[in-house]
């Protein structure tokens, strides 16, 4: 999985992830709490919305607002999982390049 994304300032931000059950751990994410935050170059934090698919084998992370307010430059973003039994895990930090636009 790539840990870098580029987005033009003002574009919609959404990413879909697939869950592949391992030999141990949950078979799906239905009982898992997933949260995510993006922090732009200026340190502004944006809570992202996470929606798990009905089968629990994928989830979508999106920002419900406008990305026009995100500072240009390199932002950082991660995803936190709280599994049944309170085990906590986080992804690597994703790097998000917020790019300027020409056509508004």
N, C-alpha and C. Protein backbone atom coordinates (compact mmCIF):
# COMPACT_ATOMS: atom_id res chain seq x y z
N UNK A 1 0.84 -1.17 0.00
CA UNK A 1 0.00 0.00 0.00
C UNK A 1 0.89 1.23 0.00
N UNK A 2 0.57 2.16 -0.85
CA UNK A 2 1.30 3.42 -0.90
C UNK A 2 0.93 4.26 0.32
N UNK A 3 1.89 5.00 0.83
CA UNK A 3 1.57 5.84 1.98
C UNK A 3 1.63 7.32 1.62
N UNK A 4 1.44 7.63 0.32
CA UNK A 4 1.38 9.04 -0.08
C UNK A 4 0.24 9.25 -1.07
N UNK A 5 -0.39 10.42 -0.94
CA UNK A 5 -1.55 10.79 -1.75
C UNK A 5 -1.39 12.25 -2.14
N UNK A 6 -1.84 12.61 -3.32
CA UNK A 6 -1.88 14.02 -3.72
C UNK A 6 -3.33 14.42 -3.94
N UNK A 7 -3.66 15.63 -3.53
CA UNK A 7 -5.01 16.16 -3.73
C UNK A 7 -4.90 17.64 -4.06
N UNK A 8 -5.69 18.08 -5.02
CA UNK A 8 -5.74 19.51 -5.32
C UNK A 8 -6.64 20.17 -4.29
N UNK A 9 -6.20 21.31 -3.78
CA UNK A 9 -6.97 22.04 -2.78
C UNK A 9 -8.36 22.32 -3.32
N UNK A 10 -9.39 22.00 -2.55
CA UNK A 10 -10.77 22.21 -2.97
C UNK A 10 -11.44 20.96 -3.52
N UNK A 11 -10.66 19.92 -3.84
CA UNK A 11 -11.24 18.67 -4.34
C UNK A 11 -11.87 17.86 -3.21
N UNK A 12 -12.72 16.93 -3.57
CA UNK A 12 -13.30 15.99 -2.62
C UNK A 12 -12.22 15.03 -2.16
N UNK A 13 -12.22 14.71 -0.87
CA UNK A 13 -11.24 13.78 -0.32
C UNK A 13 -11.95 12.54 0.17
N UNK A 14 -11.65 11.38 -0.43
CA UNK A 14 -12.22 10.11 0.00
C UNK A 14 -11.34 8.97 -0.49
N UNK A 15 -11.14 7.98 0.36
CA UNK A 15 -10.35 6.80 0.02
C UNK A 15 -11.06 5.56 0.55
N UNK A 16 -11.03 4.49 -0.24
CA UNK A 16 -11.63 3.22 0.15
C UNK A 16 -10.51 2.24 0.47
N UNK A 17 -10.65 1.53 1.58
CA UNK A 17 -9.68 0.54 2.01
C UNK A 17 -10.35 -0.83 2.13
N UNK A 18 -9.62 -1.88 1.82
CA UNK A 18 -10.11 -3.25 1.97
C UNK A 18 -9.48 -3.89 3.19
N UNK A 19 -10.27 -4.71 3.89
CA UNK A 19 -9.78 -5.44 5.05
C UNK A 19 -9.60 -6.90 4.64
N UNK A 20 -8.40 -7.43 4.83
CA UNK A 20 -8.12 -8.83 4.56
C UNK A 20 -7.83 -9.50 5.90
N UNK A 21 -8.75 -10.36 6.36
CA UNK A 21 -8.55 -11.01 7.65
C UNK A 21 -7.27 -11.85 7.66
N UNK A 22 -6.57 -11.79 8.76
CA UNK A 22 -5.35 -12.58 8.92
C UNK A 22 -5.65 -13.88 9.66
N UNK A 23 -4.60 -14.61 9.99
CA UNK A 23 -4.75 -15.88 10.70
C UNK A 23 -5.29 -15.66 12.12
N UNK A 24 -4.98 -14.50 12.70
CA UNK A 24 -5.53 -14.16 14.01
C UNK A 24 -6.17 -12.78 13.89
N UNK A 25 -6.98 -12.45 14.84
CA UNK A 25 -7.66 -11.15 14.77
C UNK A 25 -9.05 -11.28 14.19
N UNK A 26 -9.73 -10.15 14.06
CA UNK A 26 -11.13 -10.19 13.63
C UNK A 26 -11.28 -10.60 12.16
N UNK A 27 -12.39 -11.29 11.86
CA UNK A 27 -12.68 -11.70 10.48
C UNK A 27 -13.26 -10.55 9.68
N UNK A 28 -13.75 -9.52 10.39
CA UNK A 28 -14.26 -8.31 9.72
C UNK A 28 -14.14 -7.15 10.70
N UNK A 29 -14.55 -5.98 10.25
CA UNK A 29 -14.41 -4.76 11.06
C UNK A 29 -15.73 -4.29 11.67
N UNK A 30 -16.73 -5.14 11.68
CA UNK A 30 -18.06 -4.71 12.15
C UNK A 30 -18.07 -4.29 13.61
N UNK A 31 -17.25 -4.90 14.45
CA UNK A 31 -17.22 -4.55 15.87
C UNK A 31 -16.01 -3.67 16.21
N UNK A 32 -15.35 -3.13 15.19
CA UNK A 32 -14.15 -2.32 15.38
C UNK A 32 -14.51 -0.85 15.25
N UNK A 33 -13.99 -0.02 16.15
CA UNK A 33 -14.16 1.42 16.04
C UNK A 33 -12.99 1.97 15.26
N UNK A 34 -13.30 2.70 14.16
CA UNK A 34 -12.26 3.26 13.30
C UNK A 34 -12.41 4.77 13.29
N UNK A 35 -11.33 5.47 13.58
CA UNK A 35 -11.32 6.93 13.52
C UNK A 35 -10.11 7.39 12.71
N UNK A 36 -10.18 8.62 12.22
CA UNK A 36 -9.10 9.12 11.38
C UNK A 36 -9.05 10.64 11.44
N UNK A 37 -7.83 11.17 11.41
CA UNK A 37 -7.62 12.61 11.45
C UNK A 37 -6.54 12.98 10.45
N UNK A 38 -6.75 14.10 9.77
CA UNK A 38 -5.73 14.67 8.89
C UNK A 38 -5.26 15.97 9.53
N UNK A 39 -3.96 16.18 9.53
CA UNK A 39 -3.38 17.42 10.04
C UNK A 39 -2.63 18.09 8.90
N UNK A 40 -3.04 19.33 8.56
CA UNK A 40 -2.39 20.01 7.44
C UNK A 40 -1.06 20.61 7.86
N UNK A 41 -0.37 21.21 6.90
CA UNK A 41 0.98 21.74 7.11
C UNK A 41 1.04 22.77 8.23
N UNK A 42 -0.05 23.49 8.46
CA UNK A 42 -0.09 24.53 9.50
C UNK A 42 -0.54 23.99 10.85
N UNK A 43 -0.77 22.67 10.94
CA UNK A 43 -1.16 22.07 12.21
C UNK A 43 -2.65 22.05 12.47
N UNK A 44 -3.47 22.44 11.50
CA UNK A 44 -4.92 22.37 11.66
C UNK A 44 -5.37 20.92 11.52
N UNK A 45 -6.18 20.45 12.46
CA UNK A 45 -6.67 19.07 12.44
C UNK A 45 -8.07 19.00 11.86
N UNK A 46 -8.30 17.98 11.05
CA UNK A 46 -9.59 17.75 10.40
C UNK A 46 -10.02 16.32 10.70
N UNK A 47 -11.13 16.17 11.43
CA UNK A 47 -11.67 14.85 11.71
C UNK A 47 -12.30 14.30 10.43
N UNK A 48 -11.93 13.10 10.07
CA UNK A 48 -12.45 12.47 8.87
C UNK A 48 -13.57 11.51 9.24
N UNK A 49 -14.48 11.31 8.31
CA UNK A 49 -15.60 10.40 8.50
C UNK A 49 -15.20 9.01 8.03
N UNK A 50 -15.52 7.99 8.81
CA UNK A 50 -15.22 6.61 8.44
C UNK A 50 -16.53 5.84 8.39
N UNK A 51 -16.78 5.20 7.25
CA UNK A 51 -17.98 4.38 7.08
C UNK A 51 -17.54 2.97 6.71
N UNK A 52 -17.93 2.01 7.54
CA UNK A 52 -17.60 0.61 7.29
C UNK A 52 -18.68 -0.02 6.43
N UNK A 53 -18.27 -0.82 5.44
CA UNK A 53 -19.23 -1.52 4.56
C UNK A 53 -20.05 -2.51 5.37
N UNK A 54 -21.21 -2.86 4.86
CA UNK A 54 -22.12 -3.77 5.55
C UNK A 54 -21.49 -5.12 5.87
N UNK A 55 -20.57 -5.59 5.02
CA UNK A 55 -19.92 -6.88 5.28
C UNK A 55 -18.69 -6.75 6.18
N UNK A 56 -18.29 -5.52 6.51
CA UNK A 56 -17.15 -5.29 7.39
C UNK A 56 -15.80 -5.57 6.75
N UNK A 57 -15.77 -5.73 5.43
CA UNK A 57 -14.52 -6.07 4.76
C UNK A 57 -13.89 -4.90 4.01
N UNK A 58 -14.51 -3.73 4.13
CA UNK A 58 -13.93 -2.52 3.58
C UNK A 58 -14.48 -1.33 4.34
N UNK A 59 -13.81 -0.19 4.18
CA UNK A 59 -14.30 1.04 4.81
C UNK A 59 -13.84 2.22 3.97
N UNK A 60 -14.60 3.30 4.06
CA UNK A 60 -14.30 4.52 3.33
C UNK A 60 -13.97 5.62 4.33
N UNK A 61 -12.88 6.33 4.06
CA UNK A 61 -12.49 7.48 4.86
C UNK A 61 -12.68 8.71 3.98
N UNK A 62 -13.43 9.70 4.48
CA UNK A 62 -13.69 10.89 3.67
C UNK A 62 -13.74 12.13 4.55
N UNK A 63 -13.62 13.28 3.90
CA UNK A 63 -13.78 14.54 4.62
C UNK A 63 -15.08 15.16 4.16
N UNK A 64 -16.01 15.42 5.09
CA UNK A 64 -17.32 15.91 4.70
C UNK A 64 -17.36 17.39 4.32
N UNK A 65 -16.32 18.12 4.64
CA UNK A 65 -16.28 19.55 4.34
C UNK A 65 -15.51 19.83 3.07
N UNK A 66 -15.11 21.07 2.92
CA UNK A 66 -14.33 21.46 1.76
C UNK A 66 -12.84 21.43 2.09
N UNK A 67 -12.06 20.92 1.16
CA UNK A 67 -10.61 20.90 1.36
C UNK A 67 -9.98 22.23 0.94
N UNK A 68 -10.80 23.19 0.54
CA UNK A 68 -10.28 24.50 0.13
C UNK A 68 -9.57 25.21 1.28
N UNK A 69 -9.90 24.84 2.52
CA UNK A 69 -9.28 25.46 3.69
C UNK A 69 -7.98 24.77 4.10
N UNK A 70 -7.68 23.60 3.53
CA UNK A 70 -6.46 22.89 3.90
C UNK A 70 -5.26 23.67 3.41
N UNK A 71 -4.25 23.80 4.25
CA UNK A 71 -3.03 24.52 3.88
C UNK A 71 -2.28 23.76 2.79
N UNK A 72 -1.73 24.53 1.85
CA UNK A 72 -0.92 23.92 0.79
C UNK A 72 0.33 23.31 1.40
N UNK A 73 0.78 22.23 0.82
CA UNK A 73 1.99 21.57 1.30
C UNK A 73 1.71 20.18 1.79
N UNK A 74 2.63 19.64 2.57
CA UNK A 74 2.55 18.26 3.01
C UNK A 74 1.75 18.15 4.31
N UNK A 75 0.65 17.40 4.22
CA UNK A 75 -0.18 17.11 5.40
C UNK A 75 0.12 15.68 5.85
N UNK A 76 -0.35 15.32 7.03
CA UNK A 76 -0.19 13.96 7.50
C UNK A 76 -1.52 13.43 7.99
N UNK A 77 -1.68 12.10 7.87
CA UNK A 77 -2.97 11.48 8.14
C UNK A 77 -2.75 10.05 8.58
N UNK A 78 -3.54 9.61 9.56
CA UNK A 78 -3.49 8.20 9.93
C UNK A 78 -4.88 7.70 10.27
N UNK A 79 -4.96 6.40 10.50
CA UNK A 79 -6.23 5.75 10.82
C UNK A 79 -6.00 4.93 12.09
N UNK A 80 -6.93 5.04 13.04
CA UNK A 80 -6.84 4.33 14.31
C UNK A 80 -7.94 3.27 14.38
N UNK A 81 -7.56 2.06 14.80
CA UNK A 81 -8.49 0.95 14.96
C UNK A 81 -8.53 0.56 16.43
N UNK A 82 -9.74 0.48 17.00
CA UNK A 82 -9.91 -0.07 18.34
C UNK A 82 -10.72 -1.35 18.15
N UNK A 83 -10.02 -2.49 18.28
CA UNK A 83 -10.64 -3.79 18.04
C UNK A 83 -11.38 -4.27 19.29
N UNK A 84 -12.29 -5.22 19.12
CA UNK A 84 -12.97 -5.79 20.30
C UNK A 84 -11.92 -6.24 21.33
N UNK A 85 -12.18 -5.95 22.59
CA UNK A 85 -11.22 -6.25 23.64
C UNK A 85 -10.28 -5.09 23.90
N UNK A 86 -10.48 -3.98 23.20
CA UNK A 86 -9.74 -2.72 23.39
C UNK A 86 -8.30 -2.71 22.86
N UNK A 87 -7.95 -3.65 22.00
CA UNK A 87 -6.63 -3.60 21.36
C UNK A 87 -6.63 -2.44 20.37
N UNK A 88 -5.60 -1.60 20.46
CA UNK A 88 -5.51 -0.41 19.61
C UNK A 88 -4.38 -0.59 18.60
N UNK A 89 -4.64 -0.21 17.36
CA UNK A 89 -3.64 -0.26 16.31
C UNK A 89 -3.81 0.97 15.42
N UNK A 90 -2.70 1.46 14.87
CA UNK A 90 -2.75 2.61 13.96
C UNK A 90 -1.99 2.27 12.69
N UNK A 91 -2.40 2.88 11.61
CA UNK A 91 -1.67 2.73 10.36
C UNK A 91 -0.37 3.52 10.43
N UNK A 92 0.47 3.31 9.44
CA UNK A 92 1.58 4.23 9.24
C UNK A 92 0.99 5.60 8.96
N UNK A 93 1.78 6.63 9.09
CA UNK A 93 1.30 7.97 8.72
C UNK A 93 1.34 8.09 7.20
N UNK A 94 0.21 8.48 6.64
CA UNK A 94 0.12 8.75 5.21
C UNK A 94 0.54 10.20 4.99
N UNK A 95 1.24 10.46 3.93
CA UNK A 95 1.62 11.81 3.54
C UNK A 95 0.65 12.27 2.46
N UNK A 96 0.06 13.44 2.64
CA UNK A 96 -0.90 13.99 1.69
C UNK A 96 -0.35 15.31 1.18
N UNK A 97 -0.05 15.36 -0.11
CA UNK A 97 0.40 16.60 -0.73
C UNK A 97 -0.83 17.39 -1.16
N UNK A 98 -1.05 18.52 -0.51
CA UNK A 98 -2.17 19.39 -0.86
C UNK A 98 -1.62 20.40 -1.88
N UNK A 99 -2.15 20.33 -3.09
CA UNK A 99 -1.61 21.10 -4.21
C UNK A 99 -2.48 22.29 -4.54
N UNK A 100 -1.85 23.33 -5.04
CA UNK A 100 -2.56 24.51 -5.51
C UNK A 100 -3.33 24.18 -6.79
N UNK A 101 -4.32 24.97 -7.12
CA UNK A 101 -5.10 24.79 -8.34
C UNK A 101 -4.99 26.03 -9.20
N UNK A 102 -5.24 25.87 -10.48
CA UNK A 102 -5.24 26.99 -11.41
C UNK A 102 -6.67 27.40 -11.72
N UNK A 103 -7.49 26.41 -12.09
CA UNK A 103 -8.88 26.68 -12.43
C UNK A 103 -9.72 26.58 -11.18
N UNK A 104 -10.41 27.67 -10.82
CA UNK A 104 -11.23 27.66 -9.60
C UNK A 104 -12.70 27.55 -9.93
